[in-house]
């Protein structure tokens, strides 16, 4: 990137203050301002320092098509062998141009899953420009439907706009509710919450009527702590990006007990309940180490 282009794209703290972007902590505009500030400092600035080399290299890395099989004792026998396409954290924006996001969606389409689970953060900052990605997600063929839950970034600009795009594309947004898919599979989905207490409250909203979901979608993997108490067979999450850096490539592929773990990436279990956390497609920083971008197809078996 030339120095003139870098100057043009640079957003400084001073400019954010001058334009009134640093609003109070409690309001929507304040959340967006802080997100833009983090984006300027952690996402754009490092890349500008090296003349755009980080982003160029980041965009050359392939998106992994990962296929795994989970054996779950309390999974409904009727749905033994069901294939769930899991996609999360696209973060369409500076680090995720629309064509690359569509490449990820196309990878999932090629796997022909029975059900699509999108666990949030399709949007990075601004909803505008994300329309083709929602349209592509809604066109994925899946006989048991396409389901979506909101991530924290989906809430920044306009949650209403995000949900409208999802609905118009043919996706079902789940917000603290459980729906029954074709054949009787119960699918629950909850809104984003940062804290364990918040996630516990959200999980309670989908099980308090006695309709414990077989499959729970939650952007934040912290929800699994509560889901396991209710013996939810399988929870799917994103949010963490796997940290984007891992010491060893094998760590995210080793099933682990959930107790005292950070729930960062991969497969966890607690009792009969299982969690899978995807490393996602997008990123908060233009670099991944031993933690590639991925879309996942999970074959779920009773066993």
Protein backbone atom coordinates (compact mmCIF):
# COMPACT_ATOMS: atom_id res chain seq x y z
CA UNK A 1 0.00 0.00 0.00
CA UNK A 2 1.37 3.43 -0.89
CA UNK A 3 1.95 6.00 1.87
CA UNK A 4 -0.74 8.25 0.37
CA UNK A 5 -3.31 5.43 0.51
CA UNK A 6 -2.29 4.54 4.05
CA UNK A 7 -2.75 8.17 5.10
CA UNK A 8 -6.15 8.30 3.46
CA UNK A 9 -7.35 5.15 5.25
CA UNK A 10 -5.83 5.89 8.66
CA UNK A 11 -8.26 6.59 11.49
CA UNK A 12 -6.65 8.15 14.57
CA UNK A 13 -7.97 8.45 18.10
CA UNK A 14 -7.88 12.20 17.69
CA UNK A 15 -10.12 12.01 14.62
CA UNK A 16 -12.61 9.80 16.44
CA UNK A 17 -12.79 12.31 19.30
CA UNK A 18 -12.99 15.27 16.92
CA UNK A 19 -15.94 13.75 15.11
CA UNK A 20 -17.76 12.89 18.32
CA UNK A 21 -17.37 9.15 17.84
CA UNK A 22 -16.41 8.31 21.43
CA UNK A 23 -19.86 8.32 23.01
CA UNK A 24 -20.90 7.09 26.42
CA UNK A 25 -20.45 3.46 27.40
CA UNK A 26 -24.10 2.53 27.72
CA UNK A 27 -25.52 3.45 24.32
CA UNK A 28 -25.45 1.83 20.91
CA UNK A 29 -23.39 4.64 19.37
CA UNK A 30 -20.82 4.25 22.13
CA UNK A 31 -20.49 0.52 21.46
CA UNK A 32 -20.01 1.14 17.77
CA UNK A 33 -17.46 3.88 18.44
CA UNK A 34 -15.42 1.62 20.68
CA UNK A 35 -15.60 -1.17 18.10
CA UNK A 36 -14.36 1.20 15.40
CA UNK A 37 -11.55 2.37 17.65
CA UNK A 38 -10.44 -1.22 18.33
CA UNK A 39 -10.69 -1.90 14.60
CA UNK A 40 -8.52 1.12 13.79
CA UNK A 41 -5.85 0.21 16.36
CA UNK A 42 -5.80 -3.60 16.18
CA UNK A 43 -6.91 -4.31 12.62
CA UNK A 44 -5.95 -1.47 10.31
CA UNK A 45 -2.96 0.15 12.00
CA UNK A 46 -0.66 -2.95 12.10
CA UNK A 47 -1.37 -3.57 8.42
CA UNK A 48 -0.72 0.07 7.52
CA UNK A 49 2.63 -0.03 9.32
CA UNK A 50 3.82 -2.82 7.01
CA UNK A 51 2.34 -1.28 3.88
CA UNK A 52 -0.60 -3.68 3.57
CA UNK A 53 1.54 -6.84 3.57
CA UNK A 54 -0.37 -8.48 6.43
CA UNK A 55 -3.72 -8.18 4.69
CA UNK A 56 -2.37 -9.33 1.34
CA UNK A 57 -0.89 -12.45 2.93
CA UNK A 58 -4.01 -13.01 5.03
CA UNK A 59 -6.22 -13.03 1.95
CA UNK A 60 -4.04 -15.60 0.18
CA UNK A 61 -4.62 -18.17 2.93
CA UNK A 62 -7.20 -20.78 2.00
CA UNK A 63 -10.35 -21.42 3.99
CA UNK A 64 -10.36 -24.97 5.32
CA UNK A 65 -13.30 -27.30 4.70
CA UNK A 66 -13.29 -29.29 7.91
CA UNK A 67 -15.30 -32.48 8.35
CA UNK A 68 -15.72 -34.11 11.74
CA UNK A 69 -17.89 -36.75 13.37
CA UNK A 70 -19.31 -36.47 16.87
CA UNK A 71 -20.77 -39.38 18.82
CA UNK A 72 -23.33 -38.20 21.35
CA UNK A 73 -25.16 -40.61 23.71
CA UNK A 74 -28.40 -38.62 23.97
CA UNK A 75 -28.64 -37.53 20.35
CA UNK A 76 -32.02 -38.60 18.88
CA UNK A 77 -31.66 -41.97 17.13
CA UNK A 78 -33.92 -40.72 14.36
CA UNK A 79 -31.26 -38.21 13.35
CA UNK A 80 -28.26 -40.51 13.56
CA UNK A 81 -25.89 -39.53 10.76
CA UNK A 82 -27.35 -36.06 10.29
CA UNK A 83 -24.90 -33.55 8.75
CA UNK A 84 -24.80 -30.01 10.14
CA UNK A 85 -23.04 -27.26 8.20
CA UNK A 86 -21.55 -24.83 10.73
CA UNK A 87 -20.34 -21.39 9.69
CA UNK A 88 -19.51 -18.46 11.93
CA UNK A 89 -17.66 -15.16 12.32
CA UNK A 90 -17.43 -14.08 8.70
CA UNK A 91 -16.90 -10.46 9.81
CA UNK A 92 -17.61 -9.05 6.38
CA UNK A 93 -15.59 -5.84 6.16
CA UNK A 94 -11.97 -4.77 5.78
CA UNK A 95 -10.51 -8.23 6.48
CA UNK A 96 -13.29 -10.12 4.72
CA UNK A 97 -14.22 -8.80 1.28
CA UNK A 98 -17.55 -10.03 -0.03
CA UNK A 99 -15.96 -12.35 -2.67
CA UNK A 100 -13.96 -14.17 0.01
CA UNK A 101 -17.04 -14.52 2.21
CA UNK A 102 -18.94 -15.97 -0.74
CA UNK A 103 -16.08 -18.42 -1.26
CA UNK A 104 -16.63 -19.71 2.28
CA UNK A 105 -20.38 -20.04 1.73
CA UNK A 106 -19.74 -21.91 -1.51
CA UNK A 107 -17.47 -24.36 0.31
CA UNK A 108 -20.35 -25.16 2.62
CA UNK A 109 -22.73 -25.52 -0.31
CA UNK A 110 -20.49 -28.14 -1.89
CA UNK A 111 -20.74 -30.33 1.22
CA UNK A 112 -24.55 -30.55 0.93
CA UNK A 113 -25.43 -30.58 4.66
CA UNK A 114 -28.87 -31.42 6.02
CA UNK A 115 -29.03 -28.31 8.21
CA UNK A 116 -27.20 -24.97 8.23
CA UNK A 117 -26.14 -23.39 11.54
CA UNK A 118 -24.73 -19.86 11.42
CA UNK A 119 -23.57 -18.80 14.87
CA UNK A 120 -23.24 -15.08 14.30
CA UNK A 121 -20.98 -12.17 13.40
CA UNK A 122 -21.73 -12.22 9.70
CA UNK A 123 -21.22 -8.45 9.96
CA UNK A 124 -18.02 -6.85 11.21
CA UNK A 125 -19.02 -3.20 11.70
CA UNK A 126 -21.44 -1.87 9.08
CA UNK A 127 -24.36 -3.89 7.74
CA UNK A 128 -24.33 -2.08 4.39
CA UNK A 129 -22.53 -4.22 1.83
CA UNK A 130 -23.31 -7.53 3.53
CA UNK A 131 -26.46 -8.16 1.48
CA UNK A 132 -24.86 -10.60 -1.03
CA UNK A 133 -23.48 -12.73 1.81
CA UNK A 134 -26.85 -13.07 3.55
CA UNK A 135 -28.44 -13.86 0.20
CA UNK A 136 -25.88 -16.62 -0.43
CA UNK A 137 -26.37 -18.08 3.07
CA UNK A 138 -30.12 -18.14 2.50
CA UNK A 139 -29.70 -19.97 -0.79
CA UNK A 140 -27.77 -22.86 0.74
CA UNK A 141 -29.70 -26.06 0.20
CA UNK A 142 -30.51 -27.80 3.46
CA UNK A 143 -33.57 -30.01 3.81
CA UNK A 144 -33.90 -29.23 7.54
CA UNK A 145 -33.49 -25.49 7.25
CA UNK A 146 -31.04 -22.65 7.79
CA UNK A 147 -30.74 -21.17 11.29
CA UNK A 148 -28.97 -18.05 12.54
CA UNK A 149 -28.19 -16.42 15.89
CA UNK A 150 -26.84 -12.93 16.46
CA UNK A 151 -23.24 -12.32 17.42
CA UNK A 152 -21.95 -9.26 19.26
CA UNK A 153 -20.83 -7.59 16.00
CA UNK A 154 -24.25 -8.17 14.41
CA UNK A 155 -25.68 -5.95 17.16
CA UNK A 156 -23.36 -2.98 16.60
CA UNK A 157 -24.87 -1.25 13.58
CA UNK A 158 -28.47 -2.46 13.38
CA UNK A 159 -29.68 -5.79 14.72
CA UNK A 160 -33.03 -5.13 13.06
CA UNK A 161 -31.40 -4.71 9.65
CA UNK A 162 -29.34 -7.87 10.15
CA UNK A 163 -32.42 -9.90 11.09
CA UNK A 164 -34.35 -8.49 8.15
CA UNK A 165 -31.60 -9.52 5.74
CA UNK A 166 -31.49 -12.98 7.31
CA UNK A 167 -35.28 -13.37 7.09
CA UNK A 168 -35.51 -12.11 3.51
CA UNK A 169 -32.73 -14.50 2.47
CA UNK A 170 -34.56 -17.51 3.88
CA UNK A 171 -32.79 -17.97 7.22
CA UNK A 172 -34.56 -18.40 10.55
CA UNK A 173 -33.22 -16.18 13.33
CA UNK A 174 -33.55 -17.73 16.78
CA UNK A 175 -33.65 -15.35 19.75
CA UNK A 176 -34.24 -17.16 23.02
CA UNK A 177 -36.52 -19.75 21.48
CA UNK A 178 -36.67 -23.36 20.38
CA UNK A 179 -38.19 -24.46 17.08
CA UNK A 180 -38.96 -27.91 15.80
CA UNK A 181 -37.45 -28.73 12.42
CA UNK A 182 -38.72 -31.29 9.98
CA UNK A 183 -38.91 -34.72 11.58
CA UNK A 184 -38.98 -33.40 15.16
CA UNK A 185 -35.44 -32.15 15.81
CA UNK A 186 -35.60 -29.32 18.34
CA UNK A 187 -33.25 -26.40 17.57
CA UNK A 188 -32.71 -23.62 20.08
CA UNK A 189 -30.90 -20.34 19.61
CA UNK A 190 -29.95 -17.56 22.00
CA UNK A 191 -28.77 -13.98 21.75
CA UNK A 192 -25.23 -12.89 22.41
CA UNK A 193 -24.24 -12.33 26.03
CA UNK A 194 -20.75 -11.66 27.34
CA UNK A 195 -21.03 -13.12 30.83
CA UNK A 196 -21.67 -16.58 32.23
CA UNK A 197 -24.69 -15.23 34.11
CA UNK A 198 -26.08 -13.64 30.95
CA UNK A 199 -25.63 -16.83 28.98
CA UNK A 200 -27.24 -18.86 31.76
CA UNK A 201 -30.28 -16.57 31.59
CA UNK A 202 -30.42 -16.90 27.80
CA UNK A 203 -30.21 -20.72 27.93
CA UNK A 204 -32.97 -20.76 30.54
CA UNK A 205 -35.19 -18.89 28.07
CA UNK A 206 -35.09 -21.83 25.64
CA UNK A 207 -35.54 -24.65 28.18
CA UNK A 208 -37.88 -23.26 30.86
CA UNK A 209 -40.96 -24.56 29.04
CA UNK A 210 -39.57 -28.09 29.15
CA UNK A 211 -38.58 -28.08 25.48
CA UNK A 212 -34.87 -28.76 25.89
CA UNK A 213 -33.32 -28.41 22.42
CA UNK A 214 -31.36 -31.23 20.85
CA UNK A 215 -29.18 -28.62 19.12
CA UNK A 216 -28.38 -25.23 20.63
CA UNK A 217 -26.84 -22.34 18.69
CA UNK A 218 -25.01 -19.74 20.80
CA UNK A 219 -22.44 -17.25 19.55
CA UNK A 220 -20.60 -17.30 22.88
CA UNK A 221 -19.33 -20.78 23.92
CA UNK A 222 -19.81 -19.77 27.57
CA UNK A 223 -23.44 -20.77 27.06
CA UNK A 224 -22.32 -24.40 27.11
CA UNK A 225 -21.74 -24.24 30.88
CA UNK A 226 -25.48 -23.84 31.40
CA UNK A 227 -26.52 -26.00 28.44
CA UNK A 228 -24.65 -28.95 29.95
CA UNK A 229 -26.68 -28.61 33.16
CA UNK A 230 -29.80 -29.23 31.07
CA UNK A 231 -28.20 -32.12 29.16
CA UNK A 232 -28.46 -30.34 25.81
CA UNK A 233 -26.87 -32.91 23.47
CA UNK A 234 -24.99 -30.52 21.19
CA UNK A 235 -24.12 -26.82 21.35
CA UNK A 236 -22.47 -24.98 18.45
CA UNK A 237 -20.60 -21.72 18.98
CA UNK A 238 -18.06 -19.35 17.48
CA UNK A 239 -16.90 -15.92 18.71
CA UNK A 240 -13.37 -16.85 19.83
CA UNK A 241 -11.75 -17.29 16.38
CA UNK A 242 -9.71 -19.92 18.22
CA UNK A 243 -7.66 -17.00 19.48
CA UNK A 244 -6.26 -16.89 15.90
CA UNK A 245 -2.93 -18.12 17.32
CA UNK A 246 -2.20 -21.63 18.60
CA UNK A 247 1.04 -23.23 19.76
CA UNK A 248 0.27 -26.49 18.00
CA UNK A 249 -2.08 -27.18 15.09
CA UNK A 250 -3.34 -30.35 16.80
CA UNK A 251 -4.76 -28.62 19.88
CA UNK A 252 -8.06 -27.62 18.28
CA UNK A 253 -8.58 -31.16 16.96
CA UNK A 254 -8.32 -32.98 20.29
CA UNK A 255 -11.59 -33.63 22.18
CA UNK A 256 -11.35 -32.18 25.68
CA UNK A 257 -13.33 -32.19 28.89
CA UNK A 258 -14.99 -28.80 29.33
CA UNK A 259 -14.18 -28.47 33.03
CA UNK A 260 -11.69 -25.67 33.73
CA UNK A 261 -11.06 -25.14 30.00
CA UNK A 262 -11.32 -21.88 28.12
CA UNK A 263 -13.63 -23.30 25.42
CA UNK A 264 -11.52 -21.65 22.76
CA UNK A 265 -11.76 -24.01 19.77
CA UNK A 266 -12.75 -27.53 18.84
CA UNK A 267 -14.69 -30.27 20.58
CA UNK A 268 -15.52 -30.29 24.31
CA UNK A 269 -17.73 -32.54 26.39
CA UNK A 270 -19.27 -32.51 29.84
CA UNK A 271 -21.33 -35.53 30.82
CA UNK A 272 -23.51 -36.40 27.84
CA UNK A 273 -23.42 -32.83 26.50
CA UNK A 274 -21.05 -31.79 23.73
CA UNK A 275 -19.81 -28.46 22.40
CA UNK A 276 -18.10 -27.58 19.15
CA UNK A 277 -16.45 -24.18 18.81
CA UNK A 278 -15.41 -23.23 15.29
CA UNK A 279 -12.40 -20.99 14.66
CA UNK A 280 -14.60 -19.13 12.18
CA UNK A 281 -13.95 -17.65 8.78
CA UNK A 282 -13.02 -14.03 9.47
CA UNK A 283 -10.74 -12.36 11.97
CA UNK A 284 -10.02 -9.39 14.19
CA UNK A 285 -6.36 -9.28 13.08
CA UNK A 286 -4.95 -10.08 9.61
CA UNK A 287 -2.94 -13.08 10.76
CA UNK A 288 -3.64 -16.65 11.85
CA UNK A 289 -1.07 -19.12 13.21
CA UNK A 290 -1.96 -22.83 13.49
CA UNK A 291 -5.58 -21.72 13.51
CA UNK A 292 -6.85 -21.56 9.93
CA UNK A 293 -10.13 -20.07 8.84
CA UNK A 294 -12.72 -22.82 8.47
CA UNK A 295 -16.23 -23.89 7.65
CA UNK A 296 -17.28 -27.15 9.25
CA UNK A 297 -19.55 -30.06 8.46
CA UNK A 298 -20.40 -32.12 11.53
CA UNK A 299 -21.82 -35.61 11.15
CA UNK A 300 -23.71 -36.26 14.39
CA UNK A 301 -24.17 -39.84 15.51
CA UNK A 302 -25.89 -41.39 18.47
CA UNK A 303 -23.29 -43.33 20.35
